[in-house]
Amino acid sequence: MDYQYVRRSKECSSLLPNLSPVSEEEATSFVSGASDKPRIVVVVNVERVGREILLDLGDADRLRFVLDETPAAVILGAKTPGLVLFSADGQVSHVTNIEPTVGDLEKSIKGILQSSAADKITEEGSKDKEQSELEFVDTALQYKLFELDLQSAVNTAFYTEVSLKNGFTAKELADLTNFVTVAHRCGSWTMDYKKQLAQVKRSLNSVTTLTGSEWSVILDASADKGGFPRNSTFVGCKGSQPTNRGYSCSLWLLFHTMLTSCYNTSPGSVTVLHAIHGYIDSFFTCADCRAH
């Protein structure tokens, strides 16, 4: 191998982004402040996607990626695909990715990196640190998907629509099981909420028939205390009146979140679409909306 080529490759390597996922040790050092940290860590399902984003943007100093559902992601507090944002003083913000393509995600990252709030302070020094950090958080909120909306969609679906059934046909049981399975895998959840969904999924997988009262027992047994959550608190989907937006808005957000989270990983967008179609066909109570 040519010596000049090797030497130049080493010289250029410092200009290239780090294409390896954040390790458990690195995540610990980022959070503790023991080492320099990037401005943004992209949370992805597949290593190839993380490398593609880093190569496209080429921001070696301010951008890394981590795989979801790994010890490193847990340390960073990243429970779902999206972004982990580090402010200048070490504060951490989390943004769930609802963009449908890698290109749109890159556009969101560029918007954060290029905003005045992404810099610790302007060159003129006209902004104080507190104002800069407030703007940094505001920039992140432009891309935020509120998990309360997604949880409220599932809670309302379980208690208001699915619970209307006195008995479930074989198709309805299959549709409910598929929907819960996909929602558990592809939704944006806290660890506790995901565990509760997992318990509902296990219960449905263990039965071949289901009645309305048995469904109620499954919900009651899905958590250590109080059963499956009942709250329906809407944030991004809050309407001007109690009768506006709310559930239908959050349900559609949930559908889009599931599709974008699993479009390039198991179970895949086709399986997600089938699960969504099955839920709408068997349980969604708005006939006009269901037909549409």
Protein backbone atom coordinates (compact mmCIF):
# COMPACT_ATOMS: atom_id res chain seq x y z
CA MET A 1 0.00 0.00 0.00
CA ASP A 2 1.25 3.50 -0.88
CA TYR A 3 2.73 5.25 2.19
CA GLN A 4 1.52 8.68 1.05
CA TYR A 5 -2.05 7.34 0.77
CA VAL A 6 -1.93 5.95 4.32
CA ARG A 7 -0.51 9.19 5.72
CA ARG A 8 -3.13 11.34 3.98
CA SER A 9 -5.92 9.00 5.08
CA LYS A 10 -4.85 9.44 8.69
CA GLU A 11 -4.65 13.20 8.27
CA CYS A 12 -8.17 13.31 6.81
CA SER A 13 -9.70 10.95 9.35
CA SER A 14 -10.10 13.73 11.89
CA LEU A 15 -12.33 15.56 9.42
CA LEU A 16 -14.70 12.62 9.03
CA PRO A 17 -17.63 11.95 11.38
CA ASN A 18 -17.33 9.09 13.83
CA LEU A 19 -19.37 6.40 12.10
CA SER A 20 -19.55 4.02 15.05
CA PRO A 21 -22.59 4.14 17.33
CA VAL A 22 -22.19 5.76 20.73
CA SER A 23 -20.94 3.15 23.18
CA GLU A 24 -22.08 2.64 26.75
CA GLU A 25 -18.83 4.19 28.03
CA GLU A 26 -19.18 7.23 25.74
CA ALA A 27 -22.79 7.79 26.77
CA THR A 28 -21.77 7.75 30.42
CA SER A 29 -19.00 10.30 29.77
CA PHE A 30 -21.38 12.55 27.78
CA VAL A 31 -23.93 12.62 30.58
CA SER A 32 -21.37 13.04 33.36
CA GLY A 33 -19.48 15.77 31.52
CA ALA A 34 -16.25 13.79 31.71
CA SER A 35 -15.60 14.32 28.00
CA ASP A 36 -16.63 16.60 25.16
CA LYS A 37 -20.04 15.68 23.86
CA PRO A 38 -21.77 16.25 20.52
CA ARG A 39 -24.58 18.75 20.12
CA ILE A 40 -26.96 16.11 18.80
CA VAL A 41 -27.10 12.32 19.09
CA VAL A 42 -29.43 10.77 16.52
CA VAL A 43 -31.34 7.74 17.82
CA VAL A 44 -31.97 5.18 15.07
CA ASN A 45 -33.20 1.60 14.71
CA VAL A 46 -30.59 0.54 12.17
CA GLU A 47 -26.85 1.28 12.15
CA ARG A 48 -26.87 1.89 8.39
CA VAL A 49 -29.31 4.79 8.78
CA GLY A 50 -27.15 6.46 11.42
CA ARG A 51 -24.08 6.24 9.21
CA GLU A 52 -26.01 7.60 6.23
CA ILE A 53 -27.13 10.66 8.18
CA LEU A 54 -23.64 11.37 9.52
CA LEU A 55 -22.05 11.00 6.09
CA ASP A 56 -24.66 13.24 4.49
CA LEU A 57 -24.30 16.02 7.05
CA GLY A 58 -20.58 15.57 7.74
CA ASP A 59 -20.64 17.44 11.06
CA ALA A 60 -17.82 15.57 12.79
CA ASP A 61 -17.83 17.66 15.96
CA ARG A 62 -21.52 18.02 16.73
CA LEU A 63 -23.25 14.88 15.50
CA ARG A 64 -23.22 11.20 16.54
CA PHE A 65 -25.74 8.39 16.47
CA VAL A 66 -26.86 5.68 18.89
CA LEU A 67 -28.93 2.55 18.40
CA ASP A 68 -32.22 2.47 20.26
CA GLU A 69 -32.88 -0.18 22.90
CA THR A 70 -29.17 -0.42 23.79
CA PRO A 71 -27.48 0.35 27.14
CA ALA A 72 -26.02 3.53 25.62
CA ALA A 73 -29.48 4.74 24.57
CA VAL A 74 -30.84 4.03 28.06
CA ILE A 75 -28.04 6.09 29.64
CA LEU A 76 -28.87 8.98 27.31
CA GLY A 77 -32.55 8.64 28.21
CA ALA A 78 -33.42 7.88 24.58
CA LYS A 79 -36.37 5.51 24.65
CA THR A 80 -37.40 5.80 21.00
CA PRO A 81 -35.93 6.88 17.65
CA GLY A 82 -35.39 10.63 17.48
CA LEU A 83 -32.83 13.12 18.77
CA VAL A 84 -30.91 13.67 21.99
CA LEU A 85 -29.94 17.33 22.27
CA PHE A 86 -27.14 18.62 24.50
CA SER A 87 -27.29 22.33 25.36
CA ALA A 88 -24.19 24.40 26.06
CA ASP A 89 -24.41 23.91 29.84
CA GLY A 90 -24.89 20.14 29.57
CA GLN A 91 -28.67 20.01 29.82
CA VAL A 92 -30.29 17.18 27.85
CA SER A 93 -33.48 17.41 25.79
CA HIS A 94 -35.19 14.59 23.92
CA VAL A 95 -37.08 14.99 20.66
CA THR A 96 -39.07 12.17 19.09
CA ASN A 97 -38.65 11.87 15.35
CA ILE A 98 -41.94 11.95 13.44
CA GLU A 99 -40.38 12.75 10.07
CA PRO A 100 -41.14 10.14 7.38
CA THR A 101 -37.76 10.05 5.64
CA VAL A 102 -34.06 10.29 6.37
CA GLY A 103 -33.99 13.45 4.25
CA ASP A 104 -36.62 15.16 6.39
CA LEU A 105 -34.81 14.10 9.58
CA GLU A 106 -31.60 15.62 8.19
CA LYS A 107 -33.52 18.82 7.48
CA SER A 108 -34.66 18.93 11.13
CA ILE A 109 -31.09 18.39 12.35
CA LYS A 110 -29.77 21.14 10.08
CA GLY A 111 -32.42 23.51 11.43
CA ILE A 112 -31.25 22.89 14.98
CA LEU A 113 -27.53 23.03 14.19
CA GLN A 114 -27.83 26.18 12.13
CA SER A 115 -30.13 28.07 14.48
CA SER A 116 -28.68 30.83 16.62
CA ALA A 117 -29.70 28.81 19.66
CA ALA A 118 -27.49 25.89 18.62
CA ASP A 119 -24.40 27.99 19.34
CA LYS A 120 -23.34 28.68 22.89
CA ILE A 121 -23.24 32.41 22.18
CA THR A 122 -23.21 34.61 19.08
CA GLU A 123 -19.95 36.00 17.72
CA GLU A 124 -20.97 39.49 18.82
CA GLY A 125 -21.75 38.23 22.31
CA SER A 126 -25.11 40.00 22.18
CA LYS A 127 -27.07 37.11 23.68
CA ASP A 128 -26.60 35.92 27.21
CA LYS A 129 -26.39 32.23 27.95
CA GLU A 130 -29.87 31.92 29.48
CA GLN A 131 -31.57 33.42 26.43
CA SER A 132 -29.51 31.20 24.13
CA GLU A 133 -30.56 28.05 26.00
CA LEU A 134 -34.23 29.08 25.94
CA GLU A 135 -34.06 29.52 22.18
CA PHE A 136 -32.28 26.17 21.88
CA VAL A 137 -35.18 24.43 23.63
CA ASP A 138 -37.73 26.35 21.54
CA THR A 139 -36.00 25.16 18.37
CA ALA A 140 -36.19 21.57 19.58
CA LEU A 141 -39.88 21.87 20.44
CA GLN A 142 -40.67 22.64 16.80
CA TYR A 143 -39.95 18.97 16.13
CA LYS A 144 -41.33 17.49 19.35
CA LEU A 145 -44.00 14.82 19.43
CA PHE A 146 -45.70 14.73 22.81
CA GLU A 147 -45.77 11.24 24.25
CA LEU A 148 -48.84 12.10 26.34
CA ASP A 149 -50.83 12.42 23.11
CA LEU A 150 -49.74 8.96 21.97
CA GLN A 151 -50.45 7.38 25.35
CA SER A 152 -53.85 9.04 25.44
CA ALA A 153 -54.63 7.61 22.01
CA VAL A 154 -53.96 4.06 23.23
CA ASN A 155 -55.70 4.59 26.58
CA THR A 156 -58.82 5.97 24.90
CA ALA A 157 -58.78 3.23 22.29
CA PHE A 158 -58.59 0.51 24.94
CA TYR A 159 -61.19 1.91 27.34
CA THR A 160 -63.58 3.77 25.03
CA GLU A 161 -63.62 1.74 21.81
CA VAL A 162 -62.30 -1.77 22.39
CA SER A 163 -64.19 -2.03 25.68
CA LEU A 164 -67.49 -1.53 23.85
CA LYS A 165 -67.29 -5.14 22.69
CA ASN A 166 -69.20 -7.72 24.71
CA GLY A 167 -67.49 -10.45 22.75
CA PHE A 168 -64.75 -10.58 20.13
CA THR A 169 -64.90 -12.47 16.86
CA ALA A 170 -61.80 -14.32 15.72
CA LYS A 171 -61.02 -11.46 13.33
CA GLU A 172 -61.50 -8.81 16.03
CA LEU A 173 -59.23 -10.70 18.43
CA ALA A 174 -56.58 -11.03 15.72
CA ASP A 175 -56.90 -7.33 14.82
CA LEU A 176 -56.57 -6.28 18.46
CA THR A 177 -53.55 -8.54 19.03
CA ASN A 178 -51.82 -7.25 15.89
CA PHE A 179 -52.49 -3.64 16.83
CA VAL A 180 -51.15 -4.02 20.38
CA THR A 181 -48.09 -5.90 19.09
CA VAL A 182 -47.24 -3.18 16.56
CA ALA A 183 -48.01 -0.33 18.98
CA HIS A 184 -45.68 -1.90 21.55
CA ARG A 185 -42.82 -2.24 19.04
CA CYS A 186 -43.23 0.92 16.98
CA GLY A 187 -44.75 3.50 19.32
CA SER A 188 -42.91 6.19 21.29
CA TRP A 189 -43.09 5.12 24.94
CA THR A 190 -41.49 5.41 28.31
CA MET A 191 -40.04 2.16 29.63
CA ASP A 192 -42.88 1.76 32.14
CA TYR A 193 -45.60 2.29 29.55
CA LYS A 194 -43.90 -0.10 27.14
CA LYS A 195 -43.83 -2.76 29.87
CA GLN A 196 -47.57 -2.32 30.40
CA LEU A 197 -48.21 -2.72 26.69
CA ALA A 198 -46.01 -5.81 26.71
CA GLN A 199 -48.14 -7.33 29.44
CA VAL A 200 -51.33 -6.69 27.44
CA LYS A 201 -49.66 -8.23 24.39
CA ARG A 202 -48.66 -11.35 26.34
CA SER A 203 -52.18 -11.75 27.68
CA LEU A 204 -53.73 -11.49 24.21
CA ASN A 205 -51.23 -13.97 22.77
CA SER A 206 -52.21 -16.50 25.42
CA VAL A 207 -55.93 -16.65 24.53
CA THR A 208 -57.90 -18.01 21.57
CA THR A 209 -61.21 -16.40 22.53
CA LEU A 210 -62.02 -13.16 24.31
CA THR A 211 -65.06 -11.60 25.97
CA GLY A 212 -65.57 -8.01 27.09
CA SER A 213 -65.20 -8.94 30.74
CA GLU A 214 -61.99 -10.86 30.01
CA TRP A 215 -60.61 -7.81 28.22
CA SER A 216 -61.35 -5.74 31.34
CA VAL A 217 -59.41 -8.28 33.43
CA ILE A 218 -56.44 -7.97 31.05
CA LEU A 219 -56.43 -4.19 31.47
CA ASP A 220 -56.79 -4.43 35.26
CA ALA A 221 -53.87 -6.86 35.48
CA SER A 222 -51.53 -4.94 33.14
CA ALA A 223 -49.84 -2.93 35.91
CA ASP A 224 -48.77 -3.51 39.49
CA LYS A 225 -51.14 -0.87 40.78
CA GLY A 226 -54.31 0.53 39.29
CA GLY A 227 -54.35 -1.42 36.04
CA PHE A 228 -53.62 -0.01 32.61
CA PRO A 229 -53.45 3.83 32.57
CA ARG A 230 -56.75 5.61 31.96
CA ASN A 231 -55.58 9.20 31.56
CA SER A 232 -56.43 11.03 28.34
CA THR A 233 -54.33 14.19 28.50
CA PHE A 234 -53.79 15.93 25.17
CA VAL A 235 -50.99 18.43 24.64
CA GLY A 236 -50.18 18.84 20.95
CA CYS A 237 -53.68 17.53 20.16
CA LYS A 238 -55.51 19.73 22.64
CA GLY A 239 -58.42 21.48 20.91
CA SER A 240 -59.90 24.92 21.49
CA GLN A 241 -62.94 23.11 22.89
CA PRO A 242 -63.17 19.72 24.64
CA THR A 243 -65.07 18.38 21.63
CA ASN A 244 -62.37 19.43 19.14
CA ARG A 245 -59.32 17.40 18.09
CA GLY A 246 -58.18 15.26 21.05
CA TYR A 247 -58.58 11.53 20.43
CA SER A 248 -58.82 11.46 16.63
CA CYS A 249 -55.78 13.76 16.33
CA SER A 250 -53.73 11.65 18.75
CA LEU A 251 -54.77 8.39 17.07
CA TRP A 252 -53.60 9.65 13.68
CA LEU A 253 -50.33 10.81 15.25
CA LEU A 254 -49.92 7.34 16.73
CA PHE A 255 -50.49 5.75 13.31
CA HIS A 256 -47.90 8.00 11.67
CA THR A 257 -45.43 7.43 14.50
CA MET A 258 -45.72 3.66 14.19
CA LEU A 259 -45.22 3.83 10.43
CA THR A 260 -42.18 6.09 10.55
CA SER A 261 -40.58 4.25 13.47
CA CYS A 262 -40.74 0.87 11.74
CA TYR A 263 -40.65 1.76 8.06
CA ASN A 264 -37.17 0.31 7.63
CA THR A 265 -37.03 -2.21 10.46
CA SER A 266 -39.08 -5.10 11.83
CA PRO A 267 -42.02 -5.51 11.58
CA GLY A 268 -41.94 -3.18 8.53
CA SER A 269 -44.40 -0.64 7.17
CA VAL A 270 -46.66 -3.21 5.44
CA THR A 271 -47.28 -5.06 8.71
CA VAL A 272 -47.88 -1.75 10.48
CA LEU A 273 -50.41 -0.72 7.81
CA HIS A 274 -52.24 -4.03 8.18
CA ALA A 275 -52.42 -3.54 11.96
CA ILE A 276 -53.76 0.02 11.56
CA HIS A 277 -56.32 -1.10 8.98
CA GLY A 278 -57.43 -3.94 11.25
CA TYR A 279 -57.96 -1.63 14.22
CA ILE A 280 -59.91 0.90 12.17
CA ASP A 281 -62.06 -1.81 10.59
CA SER A 282 -62.88 -3.61 13.85
CA PHE A 283 -62.94 -0.91 16.54
CA PHE A 284 -62.92 2.70 15.33
CA THR A 285 -66.37 4.03 16.18
CA CYS A 286 -66.58 6.91 13.70
CA ALA A 287 -68.24 5.29 10.68
CA ASP A 288 -67.56 8.21 8.31
CA CYS A 289 -63.92 8.37 9.41
CA ARG A 290 -63.60 4.60 9.04
CA ALA A 291 -64.96 4.71 5.49
CA HIS A 292 -62.62 7.54 4.61
